[in-house]
Amino acid sequence: MTPQDLVGSATARQPVPLVAEISLLTAIPTLELWELWQRTGRDDPPFWAYPWAGGQALARYLLDHPGIVAGRRVLDVASGSGLVAIAAAQAGAASVVAGDIDPHAVAAIAINASANAVEVDARAFDLAADGPGDAEVVLAGDVFYQRELAELALRFLRAAAAAGADVLVADPGRAFVPADSLTALDRYQVPVLTVIEDAPVKSVTIYRLS
């Protein structure tokens, strides 16, 4: 089964709770997270199948403050469903690249972008091996939930900032958020699915990398 086939067969289109302007392919209620995970044959969970709290908040922030991305080249890393990338495109970005290491995520991003009538360049992207390119804005929805990933993401985001990019991240209070490297910009209360979080509402902070 191709990534496109799996994504299509395991999901249904639903509006995003905090970002009703966008709809995403979301795991169908009758398919348990673990069953979907097994179908992918990957070590990592199917992050692309759910609107995670960090992504919802960052997408909302971009639509509330379109001047951050309007007319600029945008890179959304660890994009998952493509939610943040789609919001950036809707907010008027000149171009949007959405990258993820999971081929199922890349498939989901392309399908979701097309369904929301925006152009997003969905591509395979490895934080450990790839650079920010010519991106003027770099976005990361929720990348500090695991120690090794958090360290890798912070190195990448610092390199992007050093190259001149404006770096924004969103975090719902994960264990490894590098608070001393971030400046808080805003906060949202985000409704989420309890199948993927420990509470039905998460408080998510939008940060700029200092």
Protein backbone atom coordinates (compact mmCIF):
# COMPACT_ATOMS: atom_id res chain seq x y z
CA MET A 1 0.00 0.00 0.00
CA THR A 2 1.44 3.38 -0.98
CA PRO A 3 1.62 6.21 1.58
CA GLN A 4 -1.13 8.01 -0.38
CA ASP A 5 -3.39 4.94 -0.22
CA LEU A 6 -2.81 4.42 3.50
CA VAL A 7 -3.42 8.07 4.31
CA GLY A 8 -6.63 8.10 2.30
CA SER A 9 -8.01 4.84 3.70
CA ALA A 10 -7.29 5.59 7.37
CA THR A 11 -8.62 9.15 7.60
CA ALA A 12 -11.62 11.39 7.04
CA ARG A 13 -11.64 15.12 6.39
CA GLN A 14 -12.54 17.22 9.43
CA PRO A 15 -12.27 20.91 10.33
CA VAL A 16 -9.48 21.78 12.76
CA PRO A 17 -10.99 22.76 16.15
CA LEU A 18 -9.01 26.01 16.66
CA VAL A 19 -8.59 26.75 12.95
CA ALA A 20 -11.96 26.22 11.32
CA GLU A 21 -10.66 27.79 8.10
CA ILE A 22 -8.67 24.59 7.51
CA SER A 23 -9.80 20.98 7.21
CA LEU A 24 -7.44 18.01 7.52
CA LEU A 25 -7.45 14.31 6.94
CA THR A 26 -7.79 13.03 10.50
CA ALA A 27 -7.68 9.46 11.79
CA ILE A 28 -11.16 7.96 11.71
CA PRO A 29 -12.70 7.26 15.15
CA THR A 30 -13.04 3.53 14.48
CA LEU A 31 -9.31 3.17 13.86
CA GLU A 32 -7.29 3.09 17.07
CA LEU A 33 -4.00 5.02 17.18
CA TRP A 34 -1.99 1.84 17.74
CA GLU A 35 -3.70 0.04 14.85
CA LEU A 36 -2.96 2.93 12.50
CA TRP A 37 0.62 3.02 13.78
CA GLN A 38 1.05 -0.67 13.01
CA ARG A 39 -0.27 -0.14 9.48
CA THR A 40 2.44 2.42 8.73
CA GLY A 41 5.25 -0.01 9.55
CA ARG A 42 7.29 2.83 11.06
CA ASP A 43 8.99 3.30 14.42
CA ASP A 44 7.36 6.70 14.98
CA PRO A 45 3.65 7.37 15.61
CA PRO A 46 1.44 8.69 12.77
CA PHE A 47 1.78 12.35 13.75
CA TRP A 48 0.28 13.35 10.38
CA ALA A 49 -3.13 11.88 11.29
CA TYR A 50 -4.05 14.31 14.09
CA PRO A 51 -4.24 18.09 14.59
CA TRP A 52 -1.72 18.41 17.42
CA ALA A 53 -2.00 21.25 19.91
CA GLY A 54 1.22 22.99 18.86
CA GLY A 55 0.29 22.96 15.20
CA GLN A 56 -3.21 24.27 15.88
CA ALA A 57 -1.90 27.18 17.94
CA LEU A 58 0.82 28.15 15.48
CA ALA A 59 -1.60 27.95 12.54
CA ARG A 60 -4.06 30.15 14.44
CA TYR A 61 -1.30 32.62 15.26
CA LEU A 62 -0.27 32.94 11.61
CA LEU A 63 -3.84 33.56 10.49
CA ASP A 64 -4.27 36.11 13.28
CA HIS A 65 -0.95 37.80 12.37
CA PRO A 66 -0.54 37.29 8.61
CA GLY A 67 2.15 39.96 8.33
CA ILE A 68 4.66 37.49 9.79
CA VAL A 69 4.64 35.39 6.63
CA ALA A 70 2.95 37.53 3.97
CA GLY A 71 5.16 37.82 0.89
CA ARG A 72 7.94 35.77 2.48
CA ARG A 73 9.48 32.36 1.82
CA VAL A 74 8.39 29.93 4.54
CA LEU A 75 9.71 26.56 5.71
CA ASP A 76 7.59 24.44 8.06
CA VAL A 77 9.66 21.64 9.62
CA ALA A 78 8.36 18.40 11.15
CA SER A 79 5.17 19.44 9.40
CA GLY A 80 3.05 16.35 10.12
CA SER A 81 -0.36 17.02 8.60
CA GLY A 82 0.78 20.25 6.96
CA LEU A 83 -1.54 22.35 9.12
CA VAL A 84 0.97 25.12 9.86
CA ALA A 85 2.19 25.20 6.26
CA ILE A 86 -1.37 25.49 4.97
CA ALA A 87 -2.04 28.37 7.36
CA ALA A 88 1.13 30.12 6.17
CA ALA A 89 -0.04 29.80 2.57
CA GLN A 90 -3.49 31.10 3.48
CA ALA A 91 -1.83 34.04 5.26
CA GLY A 92 -0.14 35.09 2.02
CA ALA A 93 3.34 33.55 2.10
CA ALA A 94 5.21 33.93 -1.19
CA SER A 95 6.10 30.22 -1.06
CA VAL A 96 5.76 27.44 1.48
CA VAL A 97 7.86 24.31 1.88
CA ALA A 98 6.54 21.69 4.31
CA GLY A 99 9.05 19.04 5.29
CA ASP A 100 8.75 15.82 7.26
CA ILE A 101 10.86 12.70 7.62
CA ASP A 102 7.79 10.40 7.39
CA PRO A 103 6.70 9.61 3.82
CA HIS A 104 3.11 9.22 5.02
CA ALA A 105 3.27 12.79 6.35
CA VAL A 106 4.58 14.05 3.01
CA ALA A 107 1.63 12.34 1.30
CA ALA A 108 -0.84 13.77 3.83
CA ILE A 109 0.59 17.28 3.45
CA ALA A 110 0.15 17.21 -0.32
CA ILE A 111 -3.42 15.93 -0.07
CA ASN A 112 -4.36 18.39 2.68
CA ALA A 113 -2.86 21.38 0.87
CA SER A 114 -4.73 20.54 -2.33
CA ALA A 115 -8.00 20.10 -0.44
CA ASN A 116 -7.54 23.54 1.14
CA ALA A 117 -6.77 25.10 -2.26
CA VAL A 118 -3.26 26.31 -1.43
CA GLU A 119 0.17 25.61 -2.88
CA VAL A 120 2.57 23.87 -0.53
CA ASP A 121 5.76 22.09 -1.59
CA ALA A 122 5.60 18.86 0.44
CA ARG A 123 8.93 17.09 0.63
CA ALA A 124 10.99 14.65 2.65
CA PHE A 125 13.01 16.57 5.22
CA ASP A 126 15.48 15.45 7.87
CA LEU A 127 16.38 17.94 10.61
CA ALA A 128 19.72 16.19 11.05
CA ALA A 129 20.76 16.37 7.40
CA ASP A 130 18.91 19.22 5.68
CA GLY A 131 19.27 22.98 6.01
CA PRO A 132 16.80 25.88 5.93
CA GLY A 133 17.69 26.85 2.37
CA ASP A 134 16.55 30.37 1.50
CA ALA A 135 13.63 30.41 3.96
CA GLU A 136 12.88 33.81 5.47
CA VAL A 137 10.55 32.32 8.09
CA VAL A 138 11.02 28.91 9.71
CA LEU A 139 8.15 27.35 11.66
CA ALA A 140 7.99 24.36 14.02
CA GLY A 141 4.68 23.33 15.55
CA ASP A 142 5.67 20.93 18.35
CA VAL A 143 9.22 19.55 18.38
CA PHE A 144 10.34 19.48 22.03
CA TYR A 145 8.51 16.39 23.29
CA GLN A 146 11.53 14.07 23.29
CA ARG A 147 15.06 14.90 24.44
CA GLU A 148 17.03 13.85 21.37
CA LEU A 149 14.56 15.45 18.97
CA ALA A 150 14.48 18.65 21.04
CA GLU A 151 18.27 18.97 20.91
CA LEU A 152 18.32 18.25 17.18
CA ALA A 153 15.49 20.70 16.49
CA LEU A 154 17.11 23.45 18.55
CA ARG A 155 20.40 23.09 16.65
CA PHE A 156 18.55 23.30 13.34
CA LEU A 157 16.43 26.27 14.40
CA ARG A 158 19.45 28.15 15.74
CA ALA A 159 21.24 27.58 12.43
CA ALA A 160 18.19 28.88 10.58
CA ALA A 161 18.12 31.99 12.77
CA ALA A 162 21.86 32.51 12.25
CA ALA A 163 21.20 32.38 8.49
CA GLY A 164 18.73 35.24 8.90
CA ALA A 165 15.40 33.46 9.22
CA ASP A 166 12.66 34.54 11.60
CA VAL A 167 12.04 31.39 13.69
CA LEU A 168 8.69 30.75 15.39
CA VAL A 169 7.75 27.67 17.39
CA ALA A 170 4.75 26.53 19.39
CA ASP A 171 4.92 24.35 22.48
CA PRO A 172 2.22 22.95 24.81
CA GLY A 173 4.49 22.61 27.82
CA ARG A 174 6.58 19.67 26.68
CA ALA A 175 9.33 18.41 28.94
CA PHE A 176 12.26 19.56 26.83
CA VAL A 177 11.22 23.02 25.66
CA PRO A 178 14.35 25.25 25.74
CA ALA A 179 12.66 28.16 27.49
CA ASP A 180 15.88 30.13 27.95
CA SER A 181 16.30 30.30 24.16
CA LEU A 182 12.75 31.46 23.45
CA THR A 183 10.68 34.63 23.81
CA ALA A 184 6.95 34.17 24.38
CA LEU A 185 4.66 35.99 21.95
CA ASP A 186 1.16 34.67 22.67
CA ARG A 187 -0.77 31.80 24.22
CA TYR A 188 -3.78 29.77 23.12
CA GLN A 189 -6.08 27.27 24.79
CA VAL A 190 -6.33 24.47 22.28
CA PRO A 191 -8.94 21.68 22.16
CA VAL A 192 -7.31 18.34 21.36
CA LEU A 193 -8.17 14.66 21.11
CA THR A 194 -7.61 12.79 24.37
CA VAL A 195 -6.37 9.81 22.36
CA ILE A 196 -3.14 11.76 21.72
CA GLU A 197 -2.92 14.10 24.75
CA ASP A 198 -3.39 13.88 28.51
CA ALA A 199 -6.12 16.53 28.66
CA PRO A 200 -8.93 17.75 26.37
CA VAL A 201 -7.49 21.29 26.31
CA LYS A 202 -3.81 22.23 26.17
CA SER A 203 -2.27 25.65 26.85
CA VAL A 204 0.12 26.35 23.97
CA THR A 205 2.67 29.16 23.90
CA ILE A 206 3.91 30.73 20.68
CA TYR A 207 7.60 31.63 20.87
CA ARG A 208 10.21 33.39 18.77
CA LEU A 209 13.70 31.96 18.93
CA SER A 210 15.81 34.51 20.78
